[in-house]
N, C-alpha and C. Protein backbone atom coordinates (compact mmCIF):
# COMPACT_ATOMS: atom_id res chain seq x y z
N MET A 1 6.28 3.32 -14.88
CA MET A 1 7.30 4.01 -15.66
C MET A 1 8.58 3.17 -15.68
N ASP A 2 9.24 3.12 -16.83
CA ASP A 2 10.51 2.43 -16.95
C ASP A 2 11.58 3.29 -16.29
N THR A 3 12.16 2.79 -15.20
CA THR A 3 13.13 3.59 -14.47
C THR A 3 14.38 3.89 -15.30
N ASP A 4 14.63 3.07 -16.32
CA ASP A 4 15.79 3.32 -17.18
C ASP A 4 15.67 4.64 -17.92
N GLN A 5 14.45 5.15 -18.04
CA GLN A 5 14.22 6.41 -18.74
C GLN A 5 14.37 7.62 -17.82
N LEU A 6 14.54 7.38 -16.53
CA LEU A 6 14.68 8.48 -15.59
C LEU A 6 16.09 9.06 -15.63
N PRO A 7 16.25 10.32 -15.24
CA PRO A 7 17.60 10.90 -15.13
C PRO A 7 18.45 10.10 -14.14
N LEU A 8 19.75 10.14 -14.31
CA LEU A 8 20.66 9.37 -13.47
C LEU A 8 20.45 9.66 -11.99
N ARG A 9 20.26 10.93 -11.64
CA ARG A 9 20.10 11.28 -10.22
C ARG A 9 18.86 10.62 -9.63
N GLU A 10 17.78 10.58 -10.40
CA GLU A 10 16.55 9.95 -9.92
C GLU A 10 16.72 8.44 -9.79
N ARG A 11 17.44 7.85 -10.72
CA ARG A 11 17.69 6.40 -10.62
C ARG A 11 18.50 6.07 -9.38
N LYS A 12 19.47 6.92 -9.06
CA LYS A 12 20.28 6.71 -7.86
C LYS A 12 19.42 6.82 -6.60
N LYS A 13 18.52 7.79 -6.59
CA LYS A 13 17.61 7.95 -5.44
C LYS A 13 16.75 6.71 -5.25
N LEU A 14 16.23 6.19 -6.36
CA LEU A 14 15.38 5.00 -6.27
C LEU A 14 16.17 3.79 -5.80
N ARG A 15 17.42 3.66 -6.27
CA ARG A 15 18.25 2.53 -5.83
C ARG A 15 18.55 2.64 -4.34
N THR A 16 18.85 3.85 -3.88
CA THR A 16 19.11 4.04 -2.45
C THR A 16 17.87 3.74 -1.63
N ARG A 17 16.73 4.20 -2.11
CA ARG A 17 15.47 3.95 -1.40
C ARG A 17 15.22 2.45 -1.29
N GLN A 18 15.39 1.73 -2.41
CA GLN A 18 15.13 0.29 -2.39
C GLN A 18 16.12 -0.43 -1.49
N ALA A 19 17.36 0.01 -1.48
CA ALA A 19 18.35 -0.60 -0.61
C ALA A 19 17.99 -0.41 0.85
N LEU A 20 17.48 0.78 1.19
CA LEU A 20 17.04 1.03 2.57
C LEU A 20 15.89 0.11 2.95
N VAL A 21 14.93 -0.04 2.06
CA VAL A 21 13.79 -0.91 2.34
C VAL A 21 14.26 -2.36 2.52
N ASP A 22 15.04 -2.85 1.57
CA ASP A 22 15.49 -4.24 1.63
C ASP A 22 16.32 -4.52 2.88
N ASN A 23 17.26 -3.63 3.17
CA ASN A 23 18.11 -3.84 4.34
C ASN A 23 17.32 -3.71 5.64
N ALA A 24 16.40 -2.76 5.67
CA ALA A 24 15.57 -2.59 6.87
C ALA A 24 14.77 -3.85 7.16
N LEU A 25 14.13 -4.39 6.15
CA LEU A 25 13.31 -5.59 6.36
C LEU A 25 14.17 -6.78 6.78
N ASP A 26 15.34 -6.92 6.17
CA ASP A 26 16.23 -8.02 6.55
C ASP A 26 16.73 -7.86 7.99
N LEU A 27 17.17 -6.65 8.33
CA LEU A 27 17.70 -6.41 9.67
C LEU A 27 16.62 -6.53 10.74
N PHE A 28 15.46 -5.94 10.46
CA PHE A 28 14.37 -6.01 11.44
C PHE A 28 13.90 -7.45 11.65
N THR A 29 13.90 -8.22 10.57
CA THR A 29 13.47 -9.61 10.68
C THR A 29 14.48 -10.42 11.50
N GLU A 30 15.75 -10.14 11.29
CA GLU A 30 16.79 -10.90 11.98
C GLU A 30 16.97 -10.49 13.44
N HIS A 31 16.91 -9.18 13.70
CA HIS A 31 17.25 -8.68 15.04
C HIS A 31 16.07 -8.10 15.80
N GLY A 32 14.91 -8.04 15.16
CA GLY A 32 13.77 -7.39 15.79
C GLY A 32 13.74 -5.91 15.46
N PHE A 33 12.54 -5.36 15.39
CA PHE A 33 12.40 -3.96 15.01
C PHE A 33 13.14 -3.04 15.98
N ASP A 34 12.97 -3.29 17.27
CA ASP A 34 13.60 -2.44 18.28
C ASP A 34 15.08 -2.76 18.46
N GLY A 35 15.54 -3.86 17.89
CA GLY A 35 16.94 -4.24 18.02
C GLY A 35 17.84 -3.63 16.97
N VAL A 36 17.27 -2.84 16.07
CA VAL A 36 18.05 -2.20 15.01
C VAL A 36 17.90 -0.69 15.12
N THR A 37 18.99 0.00 15.32
CA THR A 37 18.93 1.46 15.41
C THR A 37 18.94 2.07 14.02
N LEU A 38 18.52 3.30 13.96
CA LEU A 38 18.55 4.01 12.68
C LEU A 38 19.99 4.17 12.19
N ASP A 39 20.91 4.35 13.12
CA ASP A 39 22.33 4.44 12.75
C ASP A 39 22.79 3.15 12.07
N THR A 40 22.40 2.02 12.64
CA THR A 40 22.79 0.72 12.06
C THR A 40 22.21 0.56 10.66
N LEU A 41 20.95 0.93 10.50
CA LEU A 41 20.32 0.81 9.18
C LEU A 41 21.03 1.69 8.16
N CYS A 42 21.29 2.93 8.53
CA CYS A 42 21.95 3.83 7.58
C CYS A 42 23.35 3.35 7.24
N GLU A 43 24.06 2.84 8.23
CA GLU A 43 25.41 2.33 7.98
C GLU A 43 25.38 1.14 7.03
N SER A 44 24.32 0.34 7.11
CA SER A 44 24.25 -0.85 6.25
C SER A 44 24.12 -0.49 4.79
N VAL A 45 23.62 0.70 4.52
CA VAL A 45 23.46 1.16 3.13
C VAL A 45 24.47 2.25 2.79
N GLU A 46 25.25 2.64 3.79
CA GLU A 46 26.27 3.69 3.63
C GLU A 46 25.64 5.01 3.20
N VAL A 47 24.60 5.39 3.95
CA VAL A 47 23.98 6.71 3.73
C VAL A 47 23.89 7.41 5.08
N SER A 48 23.72 8.71 5.04
CA SER A 48 23.58 9.49 6.26
C SER A 48 22.13 9.50 6.72
N LYS A 49 21.92 9.89 7.98
CA LYS A 49 20.56 10.05 8.46
C LYS A 49 19.84 11.12 7.64
N ARG A 50 20.56 12.13 7.25
CA ARG A 50 19.95 13.19 6.44
C ARG A 50 19.37 12.61 5.15
N THR A 51 20.12 11.71 4.51
CA THR A 51 19.62 11.07 3.30
C THR A 51 18.40 10.21 3.62
N PHE A 52 18.46 9.49 4.73
CA PHE A 52 17.31 8.67 5.13
C PHE A 52 16.06 9.52 5.26
N PHE A 53 16.16 10.63 5.97
CA PHE A 53 14.97 11.44 6.24
C PHE A 53 14.50 12.25 5.03
N ARG A 54 15.27 12.24 3.96
CA ARG A 54 14.77 12.82 2.70
C ARG A 54 13.74 11.89 2.07
N THR A 55 13.78 10.63 2.45
CA THR A 55 12.91 9.62 1.83
C THR A 55 11.86 9.08 2.77
N PHE A 56 12.23 8.84 4.02
CA PHE A 56 11.32 8.23 4.99
C PHE A 56 11.22 9.10 6.24
N THR A 57 10.13 8.94 6.95
CA THR A 57 9.92 9.74 8.15
C THR A 57 10.37 9.02 9.42
N SER A 58 10.51 7.69 9.35
CA SER A 58 10.79 6.91 10.56
C SER A 58 11.15 5.49 10.17
N LYS A 59 11.58 4.71 11.17
CA LYS A 59 11.82 3.28 10.95
C LYS A 59 10.53 2.59 10.53
N GLU A 60 9.41 2.98 11.14
CA GLU A 60 8.13 2.39 10.78
C GLU A 60 7.80 2.65 9.31
N ASP A 61 8.11 3.85 8.86
CA ASP A 61 7.81 4.24 7.48
C ASP A 61 8.57 3.36 6.49
N VAL A 62 9.86 3.14 6.73
CA VAL A 62 10.64 2.32 5.80
C VAL A 62 10.21 0.86 5.88
N ALA A 63 9.85 0.39 7.08
CA ALA A 63 9.45 -1.01 7.22
C ALA A 63 8.13 -1.31 6.52
N MET A 64 7.28 -0.29 6.38
CA MET A 64 5.97 -0.50 5.77
C MET A 64 5.91 0.01 4.32
N ALA A 65 7.08 0.33 3.78
CA ALA A 65 7.14 0.89 2.43
C ALA A 65 6.49 0.03 1.35
N PRO A 66 6.59 -1.30 1.40
CA PRO A 66 5.99 -2.08 0.30
C PRO A 66 4.50 -1.82 0.12
N CYS A 67 3.73 -1.81 1.21
CA CYS A 67 2.30 -1.53 1.09
C CYS A 67 2.04 -0.04 0.88
N HIS A 68 2.86 0.81 1.48
CA HIS A 68 2.71 2.25 1.25
C HIS A 68 2.87 2.58 -0.23
N ASP A 69 3.83 1.91 -0.88
CA ASP A 69 4.05 2.14 -2.31
C ASP A 69 2.80 1.77 -3.11
N LEU A 70 2.18 0.68 -2.74
CA LEU A 70 0.97 0.24 -3.44
C LEU A 70 -0.13 1.28 -3.32
N TRP A 71 -0.38 1.76 -2.11
CA TRP A 71 -1.47 2.72 -1.92
C TRP A 71 -1.14 4.09 -2.50
N GLY A 72 0.13 4.46 -2.49
CA GLY A 72 0.51 5.71 -3.16
C GLY A 72 0.26 5.63 -4.65
N THR A 73 0.56 4.46 -5.24
CA THR A 73 0.31 4.26 -6.66
C THR A 73 -1.19 4.22 -6.95
N PHE A 74 -1.96 3.68 -6.02
CA PHE A 74 -3.42 3.71 -6.16
C PHE A 74 -3.94 5.14 -6.28
N LEU A 75 -3.45 6.05 -5.45
CA LEU A 75 -3.89 7.45 -5.55
C LEU A 75 -3.52 8.03 -6.91
N ASP A 76 -2.35 7.67 -7.41
CA ASP A 76 -1.93 8.13 -8.73
C ASP A 76 -2.87 7.60 -9.81
N GLU A 77 -3.23 6.33 -9.73
CA GLU A 77 -4.15 5.74 -10.71
C GLU A 77 -5.54 6.37 -10.60
N LEU A 78 -5.97 6.68 -9.39
CA LEU A 78 -7.27 7.31 -9.21
C LEU A 78 -7.30 8.70 -9.84
N GLU A 79 -6.19 9.41 -9.72
CA GLU A 79 -6.09 10.73 -10.35
C GLU A 79 -6.24 10.64 -11.86
N LYS A 80 -5.80 9.55 -12.45
CA LYS A 80 -5.81 9.39 -13.91
C LYS A 80 -7.05 8.69 -14.43
N ALA A 81 -7.89 8.18 -13.54
CA ALA A 81 -9.03 7.37 -13.96
C ALA A 81 -10.00 8.16 -14.83
N GLU A 82 -10.54 7.50 -15.83
CA GLU A 82 -11.54 8.11 -16.72
C GLU A 82 -12.75 7.18 -16.77
N PRO A 83 -13.55 7.18 -15.72
CA PRO A 83 -14.69 6.25 -15.68
C PRO A 83 -15.80 6.65 -16.63
N ALA A 84 -16.59 5.66 -17.01
CA ALA A 84 -17.77 5.94 -17.84
C ALA A 84 -18.83 6.63 -16.98
N ALA A 85 -19.64 7.43 -17.62
CA ALA A 85 -20.71 8.12 -16.89
C ALA A 85 -21.61 7.11 -16.21
N GLY A 86 -21.88 7.33 -14.94
CA GLY A 86 -22.75 6.44 -14.21
C GLY A 86 -22.09 5.21 -13.63
N GLN A 87 -20.79 5.03 -13.88
CA GLN A 87 -20.10 3.88 -13.32
C GLN A 87 -20.06 3.99 -11.79
N PRO A 88 -20.36 2.92 -11.07
CA PRO A 88 -20.30 2.99 -9.61
C PRO A 88 -18.92 3.38 -9.10
N LEU A 89 -18.89 4.23 -8.09
CA LEU A 89 -17.62 4.67 -7.53
C LEU A 89 -16.79 3.49 -7.05
N PHE A 90 -17.42 2.52 -6.43
CA PHE A 90 -16.66 1.38 -5.91
C PHE A 90 -15.92 0.66 -7.03
N ASP A 91 -16.55 0.54 -8.19
CA ASP A 91 -15.89 -0.11 -9.32
C ASP A 91 -14.69 0.71 -9.80
N VAL A 92 -14.83 2.02 -9.77
CA VAL A 92 -13.72 2.90 -10.17
C VAL A 92 -12.55 2.72 -9.20
N LEU A 93 -12.86 2.71 -7.92
CA LEU A 93 -11.82 2.51 -6.90
C LEU A 93 -11.13 1.16 -7.06
N ARG A 94 -11.94 0.12 -7.25
CA ARG A 94 -11.38 -1.23 -7.42
C ARG A 94 -10.46 -1.27 -8.63
N ASP A 95 -10.90 -0.72 -9.74
CA ASP A 95 -10.09 -0.77 -10.96
C ASP A 95 -8.80 0.02 -10.80
N ALA A 96 -8.86 1.15 -10.12
CA ALA A 96 -7.65 1.94 -9.87
C ALA A 96 -6.68 1.17 -8.98
N PHE A 97 -7.24 0.47 -8.00
CA PHE A 97 -6.38 -0.30 -7.11
C PHE A 97 -5.72 -1.46 -7.85
N LEU A 98 -6.48 -2.16 -8.68
CA LEU A 98 -5.91 -3.27 -9.43
C LEU A 98 -4.86 -2.79 -10.43
N ALA A 99 -5.08 -1.60 -11.00
CA ALA A 99 -4.07 -1.02 -11.90
C ALA A 99 -2.80 -0.70 -11.13
N ALA A 100 -2.96 -0.21 -9.90
CA ALA A 100 -1.80 0.08 -9.06
C ALA A 100 -1.06 -1.20 -8.71
N LEU A 101 -1.80 -2.23 -8.38
CA LEU A 101 -1.19 -3.51 -8.04
C LEU A 101 -0.40 -4.07 -9.22
N ALA A 102 -0.92 -3.88 -10.43
CA ALA A 102 -0.22 -4.37 -11.62
C ALA A 102 1.10 -3.63 -11.85
N ARG A 103 1.23 -2.46 -11.26
CA ARG A 103 2.47 -1.68 -11.41
C ARG A 103 3.54 -2.06 -10.38
N MET A 104 3.18 -2.85 -9.39
CA MET A 104 4.17 -3.30 -8.43
C MET A 104 5.07 -4.36 -9.07
N PRO A 105 6.35 -4.40 -8.73
CA PRO A 105 7.25 -5.40 -9.34
C PRO A 105 6.79 -6.82 -9.02
N ALA A 106 6.72 -7.64 -10.04
CA ALA A 106 6.29 -9.03 -9.83
C ALA A 106 7.33 -9.80 -9.02
N ALA A 107 8.61 -9.46 -9.19
CA ALA A 107 9.69 -10.12 -8.47
C ALA A 107 10.13 -9.25 -7.30
N GLY A 108 10.17 -9.83 -6.12
CA GLY A 108 10.67 -9.11 -4.96
C GLY A 108 9.61 -8.44 -4.13
N TRP A 109 8.71 -7.72 -4.76
CA TRP A 109 7.71 -6.96 -4.00
C TRP A 109 6.84 -7.86 -3.13
N PRO A 110 6.30 -8.97 -3.64
CA PRO A 110 5.49 -9.83 -2.76
C PRO A 110 6.25 -10.29 -1.52
N ASP A 111 7.53 -10.64 -1.68
CA ASP A 111 8.32 -11.08 -0.53
C ASP A 111 8.48 -9.95 0.48
N ARG A 112 8.66 -8.74 0.01
CA ARG A 112 8.81 -7.60 0.92
C ARG A 112 7.51 -7.32 1.66
N VAL A 113 6.38 -7.49 0.98
CA VAL A 113 5.08 -7.31 1.64
C VAL A 113 4.93 -8.32 2.78
N LEU A 114 5.29 -9.57 2.53
CA LEU A 114 5.16 -10.60 3.55
C LEU A 114 6.05 -10.29 4.76
N LEU A 115 7.29 -9.88 4.51
CA LEU A 115 8.19 -9.54 5.61
C LEU A 115 7.63 -8.37 6.41
N SER A 116 7.13 -7.38 5.71
CA SER A 116 6.58 -6.20 6.39
C SER A 116 5.38 -6.57 7.25
N ARG A 117 4.51 -7.42 6.74
CA ARG A 117 3.33 -7.83 7.50
C ARG A 117 3.71 -8.62 8.75
N ARG A 118 4.68 -9.49 8.62
CA ARG A 118 5.10 -10.28 9.78
C ARG A 118 5.71 -9.39 10.86
N LEU A 119 6.46 -8.38 10.43
CA LEU A 119 7.02 -7.44 11.39
C LEU A 119 5.92 -6.65 12.09
N ALA A 120 4.96 -6.18 11.31
CA ALA A 120 3.88 -5.37 11.87
C ALA A 120 3.07 -6.15 12.88
N ALA A 121 2.94 -7.46 12.66
CA ALA A 121 2.13 -8.29 13.55
C ALA A 121 2.72 -8.36 14.96
N ARG A 122 4.03 -8.13 15.08
CA ARG A 122 4.66 -8.19 16.40
C ARG A 122 5.29 -6.87 16.83
N THR A 123 4.95 -5.79 16.12
CA THR A 123 5.52 -4.48 16.43
C THR A 123 4.40 -3.46 16.56
N PRO A 124 3.98 -3.13 17.78
CA PRO A 124 2.85 -2.21 17.96
C PRO A 124 3.02 -0.87 17.27
N SER A 125 4.23 -0.34 17.27
CA SER A 125 4.42 0.98 16.65
C SER A 125 4.20 0.93 15.15
N MET A 126 4.49 -0.20 14.52
CA MET A 126 4.22 -0.34 13.09
C MET A 126 2.72 -0.42 12.84
N ASP A 127 2.03 -1.13 13.70
CA ASP A 127 0.58 -1.24 13.57
C ASP A 127 -0.08 0.13 13.67
N ALA A 128 0.35 0.93 14.64
CA ALA A 128 -0.19 2.28 14.81
C ALA A 128 0.15 3.15 13.61
N HIS A 129 1.37 3.02 13.12
CA HIS A 129 1.79 3.79 11.95
C HIS A 129 0.92 3.42 10.74
N GLY A 130 0.64 2.13 10.59
CA GLY A 130 -0.17 1.68 9.47
C GLY A 130 -1.59 2.22 9.53
N LEU A 131 -2.16 2.28 10.73
CA LEU A 131 -3.51 2.83 10.88
C LEU A 131 -3.54 4.30 10.50
N ALA A 132 -2.53 5.06 10.93
CA ALA A 132 -2.47 6.48 10.59
C ALA A 132 -2.30 6.67 9.09
N PHE A 133 -1.46 5.84 8.47
CA PHE A 133 -1.27 5.93 7.03
C PHE A 133 -2.56 5.61 6.29
N CYS A 134 -3.27 4.58 6.74
CA CYS A 134 -4.53 4.19 6.12
C CYS A 134 -5.54 5.32 6.17
N GLU A 135 -5.62 5.99 7.30
CA GLU A 135 -6.57 7.10 7.43
C GLU A 135 -6.21 8.24 6.49
N ARG A 136 -4.93 8.59 6.41
CA ARG A 136 -4.52 9.67 5.50
C ARG A 136 -4.80 9.31 4.06
N THR A 137 -4.51 8.07 3.70
CA THR A 137 -4.71 7.64 2.31
C THR A 137 -6.19 7.59 1.97
N SER A 138 -7.02 7.13 2.89
CA SER A 138 -8.46 7.07 2.64
C SER A 138 -9.03 8.47 2.45
N ARG A 139 -8.60 9.41 3.28
CA ARG A 139 -9.05 10.79 3.13
C ARG A 139 -8.62 11.36 1.78
N ALA A 140 -7.38 11.06 1.40
CA ALA A 140 -6.88 11.56 0.12
C ALA A 140 -7.67 10.98 -1.04
N ALA A 141 -8.01 9.69 -0.97
CA ALA A 141 -8.78 9.05 -2.04
C ALA A 141 -10.16 9.70 -2.17
N VAL A 142 -10.79 9.99 -1.05
CA VAL A 142 -12.11 10.63 -1.10
C VAL A 142 -11.99 12.03 -1.70
N GLU A 143 -10.97 12.77 -1.33
CA GLU A 143 -10.78 14.11 -1.88
C GLU A 143 -10.56 14.06 -3.38
N ILE A 144 -9.75 13.11 -3.83
CA ILE A 144 -9.52 12.97 -5.27
C ILE A 144 -10.82 12.61 -5.98
N ALA A 145 -11.55 11.66 -5.43
CA ALA A 145 -12.79 11.21 -6.06
C ALA A 145 -13.80 12.37 -6.14
N ARG A 146 -13.91 13.13 -5.08
CA ARG A 146 -14.86 14.25 -5.10
C ARG A 146 -14.44 15.30 -6.12
N ALA A 147 -13.17 15.58 -6.19
CA ALA A 147 -12.69 16.60 -7.13
C ALA A 147 -12.79 16.13 -8.58
N ARG A 148 -12.51 14.86 -8.83
CA ARG A 148 -12.46 14.35 -10.20
C ARG A 148 -13.81 13.98 -10.76
N PHE A 149 -14.70 13.44 -9.90
CA PHE A 149 -15.90 12.80 -10.41
C PHE A 149 -17.19 13.50 -10.04
N GLY A 150 -17.11 14.69 -9.48
CA GLY A 150 -18.31 15.45 -9.17
C GLY A 150 -19.21 14.79 -8.14
N LEU A 151 -18.60 14.19 -7.13
CA LEU A 151 -19.38 13.50 -6.09
C LEU A 151 -19.94 14.49 -5.07
N PRO A 152 -20.90 14.05 -4.28
CA PRO A 152 -21.45 14.92 -3.23
C PRO A 152 -20.37 15.35 -2.24
N GLY A 153 -20.65 16.43 -1.52
CA GLY A 153 -19.70 17.01 -0.60
C GLY A 153 -19.54 16.23 0.69
N PRO A 154 -18.83 16.81 1.66
CA PRO A 154 -18.49 16.12 2.91
C PRO A 154 -19.69 15.62 3.72
N GLY A 155 -20.86 16.22 3.50
CA GLY A 155 -22.03 15.77 4.24
C GLY A 155 -22.54 14.41 3.82
N ASP A 156 -22.09 13.92 2.68
CA ASP A 156 -22.51 12.61 2.17
C ASP A 156 -21.43 11.59 2.51
N MET A 157 -21.76 10.59 3.30
CA MET A 157 -20.77 9.63 3.75
C MET A 157 -20.49 8.52 2.74
N ARG A 158 -21.23 8.45 1.65
CA ARG A 158 -21.07 7.31 0.74
C ARG A 158 -19.68 7.21 0.09
N PRO A 159 -19.07 8.32 -0.35
CA PRO A 159 -17.73 8.17 -0.92
C PRO A 159 -16.73 7.56 0.05
N ARG A 160 -16.75 8.01 1.30
CA ARG A 160 -15.81 7.45 2.28
C ARG A 160 -16.12 5.99 2.56
N LEU A 161 -17.41 5.65 2.62
CA LEU A 161 -17.77 4.25 2.85
C LEU A 161 -17.28 3.37 1.70
N ALA A 162 -17.35 3.88 0.48
CA ALA A 162 -16.86 3.11 -0.66
C ALA A 162 -15.37 2.84 -0.54
N VAL A 163 -14.61 3.86 -0.12
CA VAL A 163 -13.17 3.68 0.09
C VAL A 163 -12.93 2.69 1.23
N ASP A 164 -13.70 2.82 2.31
CA ASP A 164 -13.52 1.91 3.45
C ASP A 164 -13.78 0.46 3.06
N VAL A 165 -14.77 0.24 2.20
CA VAL A 165 -15.06 -1.13 1.76
C VAL A 165 -13.89 -1.67 0.92
N LEU A 166 -13.32 -0.83 0.07
CA LEU A 166 -12.16 -1.26 -0.71
C LEU A 166 -11.00 -1.63 0.22
N VAL A 167 -10.74 -0.80 1.21
CA VAL A 167 -9.66 -1.09 2.16
C VAL A 167 -9.92 -2.41 2.88
N ALA A 168 -11.16 -2.60 3.32
CA ALA A 168 -11.50 -3.85 4.01
C ALA A 168 -11.33 -5.06 3.10
N ALA A 169 -11.76 -4.92 1.84
CA ALA A 169 -11.62 -6.02 0.89
C ALA A 169 -10.15 -6.36 0.67
N PHE A 170 -9.32 -5.34 0.58
CA PHE A 170 -7.89 -5.58 0.41
C PHE A 170 -7.32 -6.32 1.60
N HIS A 171 -7.66 -5.90 2.80
CA HIS A 171 -7.11 -6.55 3.98
C HIS A 171 -7.57 -8.01 4.11
N ARG A 172 -8.82 -8.28 3.75
CA ARG A 172 -9.27 -9.67 3.80
C ARG A 172 -8.53 -10.50 2.75
N ALA A 173 -8.34 -9.93 1.57
CA ALA A 173 -7.60 -10.64 0.53
C ALA A 173 -6.15 -10.84 0.96
N LEU A 174 -5.57 -9.82 1.59
CA LEU A 174 -4.18 -9.90 2.02
C LEU A 174 -3.99 -10.96 3.09
N ASP A 175 -4.95 -11.08 4.00
CA ASP A 175 -4.87 -12.11 5.03
C ASP A 175 -4.79 -13.50 4.41
N ALA A 176 -5.70 -13.78 3.48
CA ALA A 176 -5.73 -15.09 2.84
C ALA A 176 -4.48 -15.31 2.00
N TRP A 177 -4.07 -14.28 1.30
CA TRP A 177 -2.89 -14.36 0.42
C TRP A 177 -1.64 -14.68 1.23
N SER A 178 -1.52 -14.06 2.39
CA SER A 178 -0.33 -14.25 3.22
C SER A 178 -0.17 -15.69 3.69
N GLU A 179 -1.29 -16.41 3.76
CA GLU A 179 -1.26 -17.80 4.21
C GLU A 179 -1.20 -18.80 3.06
N SER A 180 -1.24 -18.31 1.84
CA SER A 180 -1.26 -19.20 0.68
C SER A 180 0.14 -19.78 0.43
N PRO A 181 0.23 -20.93 -0.24
CA PRO A 181 1.53 -21.57 -0.43
C PRO A 181 2.45 -20.82 -1.39
N ALA A 182 1.90 -20.07 -2.33
CA ALA A 182 2.74 -19.38 -3.32
C ALA A 182 2.18 -17.98 -3.58
N PRO A 183 2.36 -17.06 -2.62
CA PRO A 183 1.82 -15.71 -2.80
C PRO A 183 2.56 -14.91 -3.87
N THR A 184 1.83 -14.49 -4.88
CA THR A 184 2.41 -13.68 -5.95
C THR A 184 1.55 -12.43 -6.14
N ARG A 185 2.04 -11.53 -6.94
CA ARG A 185 1.26 -10.33 -7.25
C ARG A 185 -0.05 -10.71 -7.91
N GLU A 186 -0.01 -11.67 -8.80
CA GLU A 186 -1.20 -12.06 -9.53
C GLU A 186 -2.24 -12.73 -8.62
N THR A 187 -1.78 -13.57 -7.68
CA THR A 187 -2.74 -14.21 -6.79
C THR A 187 -3.34 -13.19 -5.80
N LEU A 188 -2.57 -12.17 -5.45
CA LEU A 188 -3.12 -11.11 -4.61
C LEU A 188 -4.20 -10.35 -5.38
N ALA A 189 -3.94 -10.05 -6.64
CA ALA A 189 -4.95 -9.37 -7.46
C ALA A 189 -6.22 -10.20 -7.56
N ALA A 190 -6.07 -11.51 -7.75
CA ALA A 190 -7.25 -12.38 -7.83
C ALA A 190 -8.02 -12.35 -6.51
N GLY A 191 -7.29 -12.34 -5.41
CA GLY A 191 -7.95 -12.29 -4.11
C GLY A 191 -8.69 -10.98 -3.89
N VAL A 192 -8.10 -9.88 -4.34
CA VAL A 192 -8.77 -8.58 -4.21
C VAL A 192 -10.04 -8.55 -5.06
N ARG A 193 -9.99 -9.10 -6.26
CA ARG A 193 -11.19 -9.16 -7.10
C ARG A 193 -12.29 -9.95 -6.40
N SER A 194 -11.93 -11.10 -5.84
CA SER A 194 -12.92 -11.94 -5.17
C SER A 194 -13.51 -11.24 -3.95
N ALA A 195 -12.66 -10.59 -3.17
CA ALA A 195 -13.14 -9.89 -1.98
C ALA A 195 -14.06 -8.74 -2.36
N CYS A 196 -13.71 -8.01 -3.40
CA CYS A 196 -14.56 -6.90 -3.86
C CYS A 196 -15.90 -7.42 -4.37
N ALA A 197 -15.86 -8.56 -5.07
CA ALA A 197 -17.10 -9.13 -5.59
C ALA A 197 -18.00 -9.61 -4.45
N ALA A 198 -17.40 -10.02 -3.33
CA ALA A 198 -18.18 -10.51 -2.20
C ALA A 198 -18.73 -9.38 -1.33
N ALA A 199 -18.21 -8.18 -1.49
CA ALA A 199 -18.59 -7.07 -0.61
C ALA A 199 -20.09 -6.76 -0.64
N PRO A 200 -20.73 -6.63 -1.82
CA PRO A 200 -22.17 -6.31 -1.80
C PRO A 200 -22.99 -7.37 -1.08
N GLY A 201 -22.67 -8.64 -1.29
CA GLY A 201 -23.41 -9.71 -0.64
C GLY A 201 -23.26 -9.70 0.86
N SER A 202 -22.15 -9.15 1.37
CA SER A 202 -21.95 -9.12 2.81
C SER A 202 -22.97 -8.20 3.49
N LEU A 203 -23.50 -7.22 2.73
CA LEU A 203 -24.45 -6.28 3.31
C LEU A 203 -25.87 -6.86 3.36
N THR A 204 -26.11 -7.91 2.61
CA THR A 204 -27.46 -8.50 2.59
C THR A 204 -27.46 -9.95 3.06
N LEU A 205 -26.35 -10.37 3.65
CA LEU A 205 -26.23 -11.75 4.13
C LEU A 205 -27.25 -12.01 5.24
N PRO A 206 -28.16 -12.95 5.01
CA PRO A 206 -29.19 -13.20 6.03
C PRO A 206 -28.65 -13.99 7.21
N VAL A 207 -29.29 -13.85 8.33
CA VAL A 207 -28.90 -14.60 9.52
C VAL A 207 -30.04 -15.54 9.90
N GLY A 208 -29.71 -16.56 10.67
CA GLY A 208 -30.73 -17.47 11.14
C GLY A 208 -31.18 -18.48 10.10
């Protein structure tokens, strides 16, 4: 959505949210996650704690916002998906994820993802927060898929496995992307496509 079309109040909320994310990542990177208090972060953006907690639940939440935004947009794309009859669920999930990725800002967002990942690598509480977020998002994706596409009920593990494979493919792509010389939104999308394409072969890879 073009934010210029949003009401003024909503645009202000989005600007404040982005300022919190940007300042949090800069401060955490410079001083360490535990070296920055919530008071310091709020003061850097000139907002109250009350305003902060209207948008984020914790320091971990704001520090991981770049990837959280991507997966939240993925759920939105999955809600809107109109797959062809008989299309494999994994393909639907992949396409919804790539559509979500295309909605992330090409400028700025990749840099924020990299900063967030580097922080998480040395901050155990962020890692734990990320695992909890991943579980909630995976459950939500399965619920959406079952409701939208007439999939089997909770006794069938295939829908959740399909989501788990997508998550794994994303993380493998993200690992490689983070080490690349010029990580961009487009190169991350290419990596996700490649990882998804490799997923079926991983199940039949022979040994010996």
